[in-house]
Protein backbone atom coordinates (compact mmCIF):
# COMPACT_ATOMS: atom_id res chain seq x y z
CA MET A 1 118.49 95.87 84.85
CA ASN A 2 118.68 99.45 83.61
CA LEU A 3 117.05 101.92 86.02
CA GLU A 4 117.56 104.76 83.54
CA ASN A 5 114.45 103.52 81.70
CA VAL A 6 112.30 104.14 84.79
CA LYS A 7 110.80 107.63 84.91
CA ARG A 8 109.64 109.51 87.99
CA GLU A 9 105.99 108.80 87.11
CA ASP A 10 106.78 105.08 86.95
CA TRP A 11 108.26 105.16 90.45
CA ILE A 12 105.16 106.96 91.74
CA LEU A 13 102.79 104.48 90.08
CA ALA A 14 104.72 101.46 91.37
CA GLY A 15 105.02 102.99 94.85
CA VAL A 16 101.30 103.71 95.16
CA ALA A 17 100.49 100.22 93.86
CA LEU A 18 102.88 98.62 96.36
CA LEU A 19 101.42 100.64 99.23
CA LEU A 20 97.92 99.56 98.20
CA ILE A 21 98.96 95.90 98.19
CA ILE A 22 100.43 96.30 101.70
CA ASP A 23 97.23 98.02 102.81
CA LEU A 24 95.00 95.29 101.38
CA VAL A 25 97.03 92.47 102.91
CA ALA A 26 98.23 93.84 106.24
CA LEU A 27 96.22 96.80 107.57
CA PRO A 28 92.90 96.36 109.43
CA TRP A 29 89.91 97.08 107.22
CA PHE A 30 87.26 95.97 109.67
CA SER A 31 87.36 96.12 113.48
CA VAL A 32 84.67 94.13 115.28
CA GLY A 33 84.04 93.79 118.98
CA GLY A 34 85.85 95.44 121.82
CA GLY A 35 84.48 97.03 124.92
CA SER A 36 83.06 95.34 127.99
CA VAL A 37 79.79 93.85 129.18
CA GLY A 38 79.16 93.62 132.91
CA GLY A 39 82.83 94.18 133.69
CA ILE A 40 83.95 91.44 131.28
CA SER A 41 86.20 92.61 128.49
CA ILE A 42 85.27 91.58 124.98
CA PRO A 43 88.25 91.34 122.66
CA SER A 44 88.22 93.12 119.34
CA PHE A 45 89.01 91.42 116.08
CA ASP A 46 90.60 93.10 113.09
CA PHE A 47 90.23 91.84 109.52
CA THR A 48 92.23 92.86 106.47
CA ALA A 49 90.74 93.37 103.02
CA THR A 50 91.67 89.81 102.08
CA ASP A 51 89.98 88.38 105.19
CA THR A 52 86.33 87.71 105.71
CA PRO A 53 83.84 89.18 104.82
CA ASP A 54 84.17 88.76 101.07
CA GLY A 55 87.92 88.33 101.07
CA TRP A 56 87.82 87.30 97.43
CA LEU A 57 87.28 90.94 96.47
CA GLY A 58 90.43 91.90 98.34
CA VAL A 59 92.38 89.08 96.72
CA LEU A 60 91.25 90.17 93.25
CA ALA A 61 92.22 93.78 94.05
CA VAL A 62 95.68 92.56 95.13
CA ILE A 63 96.07 90.56 91.90
CA ALA A 64 95.02 93.52 89.71
CA THR A 65 97.37 95.85 91.58
CA ALA A 66 100.26 93.40 91.36
CA ALA A 67 99.58 93.13 87.62
CA VAL A 68 100.03 96.92 87.34
CA ILE A 69 103.50 96.59 88.89
CA ALA A 70 104.38 93.55 86.77
CA ASP A 71 103.29 95.22 83.53
CA LEU A 72 105.27 98.34 84.35
CA ALA A 73 108.37 96.29 85.21
CA ILE A 74 108.16 94.28 81.99
CA GLU A 75 107.80 97.41 79.87
CA ARG A 76 110.69 99.28 81.52
CA PHE A 77 113.17 96.46 82.15
CA SER A 78 112.46 94.27 79.12
CA PRO A 79 110.98 96.50 76.40
CA GLN A 80 111.57 93.88 73.70
CA THR A 81 109.16 91.48 75.45
CA GLN A 82 105.78 91.48 73.74
CA VAL A 83 102.76 91.03 76.01
CA PRO A 84 99.10 91.58 75.21
CA ASN A 85 97.80 95.08 75.84
CA VAL A 86 94.43 96.76 76.10
CA GLY A 87 93.49 99.65 73.86
CA GLY A 88 96.75 99.56 71.94
CA SER A 89 99.11 100.70 74.69
CA ARG A 90 100.67 99.41 77.86
CA ALA A 91 99.70 102.59 79.74
CA MET A 92 96.05 101.90 78.86
CA THR A 93 96.49 98.34 80.12
CA ARG A 94 97.79 99.63 83.46
CA PHE A 95 94.91 102.11 83.66
CA VAL A 96 92.36 99.33 83.09
CA LEU A 97 94.05 97.18 85.76
CA ALA A 98 93.98 100.11 88.21
CA VAL A 99 90.27 100.66 87.50
CA ALA A 100 89.64 96.92 88.04
CA ALA A 101 91.35 97.13 91.44
CA ALA A 102 89.21 100.17 92.25
CA VAL A 103 86.04 98.30 91.29
CA PHE A 104 86.95 95.42 93.62
CA VAL A 105 87.66 97.85 96.48
CA ALA A 106 84.37 99.68 95.80
CA LEU A 107 82.44 96.40 95.81
CA LYS A 108 84.05 95.45 99.12
CA PHE A 109 82.79 98.77 100.49
CA LEU A 110 79.31 98.46 98.99
CA PHE A 111 78.81 94.94 100.30
CA HIS A 112 79.65 96.05 103.85
CA ILE A 113 78.57 99.63 104.48
CA HIS A 114 78.98 99.92 108.24
CA PHE A 115 80.97 103.08 108.93
CA SER A 116 81.40 102.16 112.58
CA ILE A 117 83.43 99.02 111.83
CA PHE A 118 85.78 100.39 109.15
CA GLY A 119 89.37 100.41 110.33
CA PHE A 120 92.34 102.55 109.38
CA GLY A 121 93.26 100.25 106.50
CA PHE A 122 89.92 100.86 104.80
CA TRP A 123 90.30 104.64 104.80
CA ALA A 124 93.93 104.43 103.68
CA GLY A 125 92.88 101.95 100.98
CA ILE A 126 90.29 104.36 99.59
CA VAL A 127 92.89 107.13 99.32
CA LEU A 128 95.51 104.79 97.80
CA THR A 129 93.02 103.33 95.31
CA ALA A 130 91.97 106.79 94.14
CA GLY A 131 95.65 107.74 93.89
CA LEU A 132 96.44 104.62 91.85
CA VAL A 133 93.68 105.32 89.34
CA PHE A 134 94.69 109.00 89.12
CA VAL A 135 98.39 108.28 88.54
CA ALA A 136 97.57 105.57 85.97
CA LEU A 137 95.25 108.01 84.19
CA GLN A 138 97.97 110.67 84.14
CA ALA A 139 100.48 108.17 82.73
CA ARG A 140 98.00 107.15 80.03
CA GLN A 141 97.37 110.76 79.04
CA THR A 142 101.09 111.53 79.02
CA GLU A 143 101.77 108.57 76.73
CA SER A 144 99.03 109.61 74.33
CA VAL A 145 100.53 113.12 74.08
CA MET A 146 104.14 111.96 73.77
CA PRO A 147 104.74 109.15 71.28
CA SER A 148 106.65 106.14 72.46
CA ALA A 149 110.44 106.42 72.38
CA ALA A 150 110.54 102.97 70.79
CA ALA A 151 108.88 104.21 67.59
CA PRO A 152 111.42 104.44 64.77
CA PRO A 153 111.96 107.81 63.10
CA PRO A 154 110.63 108.27 59.56
CA PRO A 155 113.06 107.18 56.85
CA ALA A 156 115.28 109.94 55.47
CA SER A 157 115.47 110.59 51.76
CA PRO A 158 118.61 109.09 50.25
CA THR A 159 121.44 111.49 49.55
CA PRO A 160 123.12 111.41 46.15
CA PRO A 161 126.66 110.07 46.08
CA ALA A 162 129.46 112.60 46.37
CA GLY A 163 130.42 114.17 43.08
CA SER A 164 127.14 113.46 41.33
CA ALA A 165 124.87 116.13 39.93
CA GLY A 166 121.93 114.87 41.95
CA PRO A 167 118.65 113.43 40.70
CA PRO A 168 117.75 114.01 37.07
CA THR A 169 115.40 116.87 36.40
CA VAL A 170 112.71 116.69 33.78
């Protein structure tokens, strides 16, 4: 494993993606209950993004985000490995995966708009999702400006052998 192939932008993208996965799986997105009625305490229940309601959206967001990390790792640690890409580049593939994760998070929000029950994980997830899409977009734009390092240089014109007069002139 050669860490010299990993750029600062790659670390940021992978870090934001990993934080989003932790947020989706572990932090409370919905908090229901709590308080007391007639002196009797009612417990509160916390649900992550992968829990009910509509946990399938959270699971799909986790899968899309994990695919961003996997695609980045394959490109940096095994550049000779050929995998399908979207739009002709791996950076575009990661951008599309980040947007897919954002769509799943947005659907989770739209299906359950109750601002009073959103937990800390929801608000952190919104920020991390926006950050993931932004960093993936920046990486895509950077790659389109700078050609890939794997592209071979154009062939040089052959040099005449030493002691020759060069190519014939007409």
